[in-house]
Protein backbone atom coordinates (compact mmCIF):
# COMPACT_ATOMS: atom_id res chain seq x y z
CA MET A 1 3.17 -180.52 28.49
CA ASN A 2 3.39 -183.86 30.28
CA PRO A 3 7.12 -184.49 30.96
CA ASN A 4 6.41 -188.15 31.75
CA LEU A 5 4.71 -188.88 28.44
CA PHE A 6 6.65 -191.53 26.50
CA GLU A 7 9.94 -191.40 28.38
CA ARG A 8 11.28 -194.59 26.75
CA ILE A 9 10.54 -195.35 23.09
CA LEU A 10 11.47 -198.63 21.40
CA VAL A 11 12.02 -198.47 17.63
CA PRO A 12 12.48 -201.86 15.93
CA THR A 13 14.33 -201.49 12.64
CA ASP A 14 15.48 -203.61 9.73
CA MET A 15 17.95 -200.83 8.82
CA SER A 16 16.22 -200.15 5.51
CA ALA A 17 14.36 -197.14 4.13
CA PHE A 18 11.20 -198.95 5.25
CA SER A 19 12.15 -198.28 8.88
CA ASP A 20 13.25 -194.68 8.44
CA LEU A 21 9.78 -193.19 8.84
CA ALA A 22 9.22 -194.91 12.18
CA LEU A 23 12.54 -193.55 13.42
CA ARG A 24 11.62 -190.04 12.29
CA TYR A 25 8.42 -190.24 14.35
CA ALA A 26 10.40 -191.37 17.39
CA LEU A 27 12.81 -188.47 16.87
CA HIS A 28 9.84 -186.09 16.62
CA PHE A 29 8.64 -187.29 20.03
CA ASN A 30 12.18 -186.93 21.37
CA GLU A 31 12.40 -183.36 20.11
CA ARG A 32 9.23 -182.37 21.98
CA LEU A 33 9.37 -184.67 25.02
CA GLY A 34 13.03 -185.59 25.48
CA SER A 35 12.23 -189.29 25.15
CA LYS A 36 15.04 -191.84 25.26
CA ILE A 37 15.12 -193.95 22.08
CA THR A 38 16.22 -197.58 21.89
CA LEU A 39 16.87 -198.67 18.32
CA LEU A 40 16.56 -202.47 18.05
CA HIS A 41 17.55 -204.79 15.25
CA ALA A 42 16.72 -208.46 15.78
CA GLU A 43 17.67 -211.26 13.43
CA GLU A 44 18.12 -214.96 14.02
CA ILE A 45 21.74 -215.76 13.25
CA SER A 46 22.35 -218.86 15.35
CA TRP A 47 19.89 -221.04 13.44
CA LEU A 48 21.99 -220.63 10.29
CA ALA A 49 24.61 -222.83 11.95
CA ALA A 50 22.18 -225.44 13.24
CA ASP A 51 23.00 -228.00 10.54
CA HIS A 52 26.75 -227.45 10.70
CA PRO A 53 29.48 -228.70 13.05
CA ILE A 54 29.98 -226.71 16.24
CA GLY A 55 33.18 -225.29 14.79
CA TYR A 56 31.17 -223.57 12.06
CA TYR A 57 29.14 -221.79 14.73
CA PHE A 58 32.16 -220.45 16.60
CA GLU A 59 33.86 -219.45 13.36
CA ASN A 60 30.97 -217.65 11.65
CA VAL A 61 28.19 -216.62 14.03
CA PRO A 62 30.18 -214.23 16.27
CA GLU A 63 31.54 -212.51 13.17
CA ALA A 64 28.03 -212.15 11.73
CA LYS A 65 26.75 -210.70 15.01
CA ALA A 66 29.62 -208.22 15.15
CA ALA A 67 28.97 -207.13 11.57
CA LEU A 68 25.27 -206.55 12.21
CA THR A 69 26.00 -204.69 15.44
CA LYS A 70 28.39 -202.41 13.55
CA GLN A 71 25.86 -201.91 10.75
CA LEU A 72 23.17 -200.93 13.27
CA HIS A 73 25.52 -198.45 14.95
CA GLU A 74 26.34 -196.87 11.58
CA TYR A 75 22.64 -196.75 10.66
CA ALA A 76 21.86 -194.90 13.89
CA ALA A 77 24.84 -192.56 13.59
CA SER A 78 23.70 -191.46 10.13
CA ARG A 79 20.11 -190.72 11.22
CA VAL A 80 20.06 -189.84 14.93
CA PRO A 81 21.46 -186.46 16.02
CA ALA A 82 24.30 -186.70 18.53
CA ALA A 83 22.31 -184.76 21.14
CA VAL A 84 19.52 -187.36 21.21
CA ARG A 85 19.56 -189.92 24.02
CA ALA A 86 19.67 -193.10 21.97
CA THR A 87 20.85 -196.67 22.43
CA THR A 88 21.33 -199.40 19.82
CA LEU A 89 20.71 -203.09 20.48
CA PHE A 90 21.27 -206.12 18.28
CA GLU A 91 19.56 -209.34 19.35
CA ASP A 92 20.09 -212.81 17.87
CA GLU A 93 16.42 -213.73 18.13
CA ALA A 94 13.19 -213.80 16.15
CA PRO A 95 12.24 -210.11 15.70
CA GLU A 96 8.75 -210.35 17.18
CA LEU A 97 10.02 -212.12 20.30
CA ALA A 98 12.94 -209.75 20.74
CA ILE A 99 10.67 -206.71 20.45
CA LEU A 100 8.36 -207.95 23.19
CA ARG A 101 11.24 -208.96 25.46
CA ILE A 102 13.25 -205.76 25.04
CA ALA A 103 10.14 -203.62 25.47
CA ARG A 104 9.65 -205.27 28.86
CA ASP A 105 13.34 -205.09 29.79
CA ILE A 106 13.65 -201.35 29.16
CA ASN A 107 10.16 -200.62 30.48
CA ALA A 108 9.20 -198.99 27.18
CA ASP A 109 6.04 -196.91 27.23
CA LEU A 110 5.80 -196.64 23.43
CA ILE A 111 6.79 -198.79 20.45
CA VAL A 112 7.09 -197.15 17.02
CA MET A 113 7.41 -199.42 14.00
CA GLY A 114 6.65 -199.72 10.31
CA THR A 115 3.90 -201.86 8.83
CA HIS A 116 2.77 -203.05 5.41
CA GLY A 117 -0.72 -202.51 3.99
CA ARG A 118 -0.98 -205.85 2.24
CA ARG A 119 -4.24 -207.64 1.61
CA GLY A 120 -4.89 -211.35 1.73
CA ILE A 121 -5.40 -213.88 4.51
CA ARG A 122 -6.14 -212.18 7.80
CA ARG A 123 -2.69 -211.43 9.15
CA ALA A 124 -3.95 -210.43 12.62
CA ILE A 125 -4.09 -214.21 13.20
CA LEU A 126 -1.21 -215.41 11.02
CA GLY A 127 0.88 -212.39 11.90
CA SER A 128 3.62 -210.29 10.44
CA VAL A 129 6.10 -208.96 12.96
CA THR A 130 4.10 -205.77 13.49
CA GLU A 131 0.78 -207.49 13.86
CA TYR A 132 2.26 -210.12 16.18
CA VAL A 133 3.47 -207.31 18.42
CA LEU A 134 0.07 -205.59 18.27
CA ARG A 135 -1.73 -208.69 19.47
CA GLU A 136 0.77 -209.67 22.18
CA THR A 137 1.76 -206.41 23.86
CA ASP A 138 -0.14 -204.06 26.14
CA ILE A 139 2.20 -201.14 25.38
CA PRO A 140 0.89 -198.43 23.00
CA VAL A 141 2.17 -199.02 19.47
CA ILE A 142 2.49 -196.42 16.73
CA THR A 143 2.49 -197.99 13.27
CA VAL A 144 3.40 -196.18 10.06
CA ASN A 145 3.09 -197.50 6.54
CA PRO A 146 5.71 -195.72 4.40
CA ALA A 147 4.07 -196.90 1.17
CA LEU A 148 0.97 -194.82 1.94
CA PHE A 149 2.73 -191.63 3.02
CA ALA A 150 3.75 -188.66 0.90
CA PRO A 151 7.09 -189.18 -0.86
CA ASP A 152 8.87 -186.68 1.40
CA GLY A 153 7.76 -188.61 4.49
CA THR A 154 6.97 -185.38 6.33
CA VAL A 155 6.53 -185.90 10.07
CA GLY A 156 4.50 -183.63 12.33
CA ILE A 157 1.62 -183.78 14.80
CA ARG A 158 -0.80 -180.92 14.26
CA THR A 159 -4.12 -182.79 14.30
CA VAL A 160 -4.92 -185.88 16.38
CA LEU A 161 -8.01 -187.98 15.59
CA CYS A 162 -9.43 -190.26 18.28
CA PRO A 163 -12.40 -192.51 17.38
CA VAL A 164 -14.38 -193.56 20.46
CA ASN A 165 -17.23 -195.96 21.20
CA PHE A 166 -17.68 -194.92 24.85
CA THR A 167 -15.98 -198.04 26.27
CA ALA A 168 -13.26 -198.28 28.91
CA ILE A 169 -10.50 -198.85 26.35
CA ALA A 170 -11.78 -195.91 24.30
CA ARG A 171 -11.39 -193.75 27.40
CA GLU A 172 -7.78 -194.92 27.73
CA ALA A 173 -7.16 -194.08 24.07
CA LEU A 174 -8.71 -190.64 24.55
CA ALA A 175 -6.45 -189.99 27.54
CA GLN A 176 -3.40 -190.77 25.39
CA ALA A 177 -4.71 -188.71 22.48
CA SER A 178 -5.43 -185.77 24.77
CA ALA A 179 -1.95 -185.90 26.33
CA ILE A 180 -0.32 -185.98 22.89
CA ALA A 181 -2.48 -183.13 21.58
CA GLU A 182 -1.64 -181.04 24.63
CA SER A 183 2.10 -181.76 24.37
CA PHE A 184 2.25 -180.91 20.67
CA ALA A 185 -0.29 -178.03 20.81
CA ALA A 186 -2.32 -180.02 18.28
CA GLN A 187 -6.04 -180.02 17.60
CA LEU A 188 -7.86 -183.00 19.11
CA VAL A 189 -10.77 -184.33 17.05
CA VAL A 190 -12.90 -186.95 18.81
CA MET A 191 -15.29 -188.90 16.60
CA HIS A 192 -17.99 -191.52 16.99
CA VAL A 193 -19.43 -193.66 14.21
CA CYS A 194 -23.16 -194.45 14.49
CA GLU A 195 -24.33 -197.66 12.87
CA GLY A 196 -27.70 -196.07 12.02
CA SER A 197 -28.61 -192.73 10.47
CA GLU A 198 -31.69 -191.68 12.47
CA PRO A 199 -31.47 -188.09 13.78
CA ARG A 200 -32.28 -189.39 17.28
CA LEU A 201 -29.04 -191.39 17.30
CA PHE A 202 -26.98 -188.29 16.57
CA ALA A 203 -28.69 -186.40 19.41
CA ASP A 204 -28.09 -189.30 21.80
CA VAL A 205 -24.41 -189.43 20.88
CA GLN A 206 -23.99 -185.69 21.38
CA ASN A 207 -25.50 -186.04 24.85
CA GLN A 208 -23.23 -188.99 25.60
CA PHE A 209 -20.18 -186.97 24.57
CA GLY A 210 -21.13 -184.34 27.12
CA ILE A 211 -21.32 -186.92 29.90
CA TRP A 212 -18.45 -189.19 28.88
CA VAL A 213 -15.63 -186.80 27.94
CA ASP A 214 -13.64 -185.42 30.86
CA PRO A 215 -14.04 -181.61 30.97
CA GLN A 216 -10.26 -181.32 31.37
CA VAL A 217 -9.82 -182.82 27.90
CA ARG A 218 -11.86 -179.98 26.44
CA ALA A 219 -10.09 -177.41 28.61
CA ASN A 220 -6.53 -178.51 27.84
CA THR A 221 -6.77 -179.03 24.07
CA ARG A 222 -8.23 -177.46 20.95
CA TYR A 223 -11.15 -179.87 21.08
CA LYS A 224 -13.68 -180.81 18.41
CA GLU A 225 -16.35 -183.53 18.16
CA ILE A 226 -17.53 -185.30 15.00
CA VAL A 227 -20.44 -187.75 14.70
CA VAL A 228 -20.91 -189.73 11.48
CA HIS A 229 -22.73 -192.88 10.44
CA GLY A 230 -21.63 -195.88 8.42
CA HIS A 231 -18.96 -198.58 8.60
CA ALA A 232 -16.57 -197.78 11.45
CA ALA A 233 -13.19 -198.39 9.77
CA GLU A 234 -14.23 -196.76 6.50
CA GLN A 235 -15.55 -193.68 8.27
CA VAL A 236 -12.47 -193.30 10.46
CA LEU A 237 -10.20 -193.50 7.42
CA ALA A 238 -12.41 -191.04 5.52
CA VAL A 239 -12.51 -188.50 8.36
CA ALA A 240 -8.76 -188.85 8.88
CA ASP A 241 -8.29 -187.87 5.23
CA GLN A 242 -10.85 -185.04 5.39
CA ILE A 243 -9.29 -183.34 8.40
CA ASP A 244 -5.74 -184.23 7.35
CA ALA A 245 -5.03 -185.93 10.67
CA ASP A 246 -1.38 -186.56 11.46
CA LEU A 247 -2.08 -189.23 14.06
CA VAL A 248 -5.03 -191.54 14.69
CA VAL A 249 -5.29 -192.88 18.25
CA ILE A 250 -7.56 -195.89 18.65
CA GLY A 251 -8.25 -198.30 21.49
CA ALA A 252 -8.08 -202.05 20.96
CA GLN A 253 -9.28 -204.85 23.20
CA HIS A 254 -7.35 -208.10 22.78
CA LYS A 255 -9.69 -211.03 22.21
CA ARG A 256 -9.16 -214.77 22.28
CA PHE A 257 -9.87 -216.69 19.06
CA ALA A 258 -9.19 -220.44 19.36
CA ASP A 259 -5.52 -220.58 20.38
CA ALA A 260 -4.62 -217.12 19.10
CA THR A 261 -5.00 -213.59 20.32
CA VAL A 262 -6.55 -211.22 17.80
CA ILE A 263 -7.29 -207.53 17.59
CA GLY A 264 -10.59 -206.23 16.28
CA SER A 265 -11.19 -205.93 12.56
CA THR A 266 -11.78 -202.17 12.83
CA THR A 267 -8.42 -201.61 14.49
CA GLU A 268 -6.70 -203.94 12.04
CA LYS A 269 -8.08 -202.14 8.98
CA ILE A 270 -7.29 -198.69 10.31
CA SER A 271 -3.69 -199.55 11.24
CA ARG A 272 -3.15 -201.28 7.89
CA PHE A 273 -4.67 -198.76 5.50
CA ALA A 274 -4.39 -195.35 7.18
CA LYS A 275 -2.32 -192.84 5.21
CA ARG A 276 -0.94 -191.52 8.48
CA ALA A 277 0.49 -192.73 11.75
CA VAL A 278 -1.81 -194.85 13.92
CA MET A 279 -1.39 -195.34 17.65
CA THR A 280 -3.08 -198.45 19.02
CA VAL A 281 -3.76 -198.33 22.75
CA ILE A 282 -4.16 -201.93 23.81
CA ARG A 283 -5.96 -203.71 26.62
CA LYS A 284 -5.31 -207.41 27.15
CA PRO A 285 -8.16 -209.89 27.80
CA VAL A 286 -9.29 -210.12 31.41
CA ALA A 287 -8.17 -213.76 31.53
CA SER A 288 -4.66 -212.80 30.45
CA GLN A 289 -4.46 -210.04 33.04
CA ALA A 290 -5.61 -212.41 35.78
CA THR A 291 -3.08 -215.02 34.74
CA ALA A 292 -0.26 -212.47 34.77
CA ALA A 293 -1.24 -211.33 38.24
CA ALA A 294 -1.39 -214.89 39.64
C-alpha cells in the first residue's frame, strides 16, 4: 500500500443526494488510505445584494452565509464518521472557481465530485461545474454520475480498468491505476483499442504492451491485458460493463480550442456516460505549463 496516495481529498458538494455518492467514494479512500477529506460548498451569496442598498448586504448576507455554513456542518455530521479526518468549508464564490482555488490552497491530490450524463451542446466547452474543473485543473478528478449507478449506490474498488494509447499521459494514468489497484488489492485491467481489425495490429499491440508497461506494474497487481478494436469511447464503456469495473482511470491531455481549454472527446464521453466511477488524470498543454513556470 502507498501511504502517500491521495493524502488530501477535496469533495465539492451541493448538500443534496446528488453529492452523496461522491462523498461515499471519498470515505472509501479514507477507510483504506487515511486520507483527509475537505468537504466544500460554494455558492455566490454576495451578488444577491448587488442591486440593493449597502444596508441590505450587511443585514442579510452574513446571516445567509452563517445558515449555509451550519447546513454544511450538519450535512457532514450526518454522513461522515466522527473518526474521519474531515473539514468543512463554505465559500461565497462561484462553485467552479472556489473548487479550483481551494484545491490549490489545501494542496489537494484528488478531487471527487458528481456529474450529470446529459446530452446536447458540447459541455466540455460551455461547461458545467464538473466539466469546467476537468478542463482547468491538473489534479486527478474522480467523477461519479449517480443517475447511472445501481439504486443502492454501492461503493467498492475491486476491478480497475485503465485504457491506454501508449502516450506519456497514458503512462501517468497507468501509474495512478496501478497504485490504486495495489492499495485496494484490486485487479488491474489495462486495455488498448485498435482502430483497425487486422490480426497484425493485435500482435503489434501485444508486443508494445510488453515493452511499454513497467514490469513492477505486473508484479505488484493482479494484472490483465485486453486488446479490442472499434471506437475508443464505445469500447472502453463496453469493456467496463463486461468486466464490471468499479473504477476507470483514463489520461487526458488538455488542448486549446480558440479561447477555451477542452478535453478530448473520448475522455468526455467516458466520464459522462460510464456507469461507474471515472478518474481523469490530466496533463495541461505545454504552453500553459511554460506560462505557469515563467
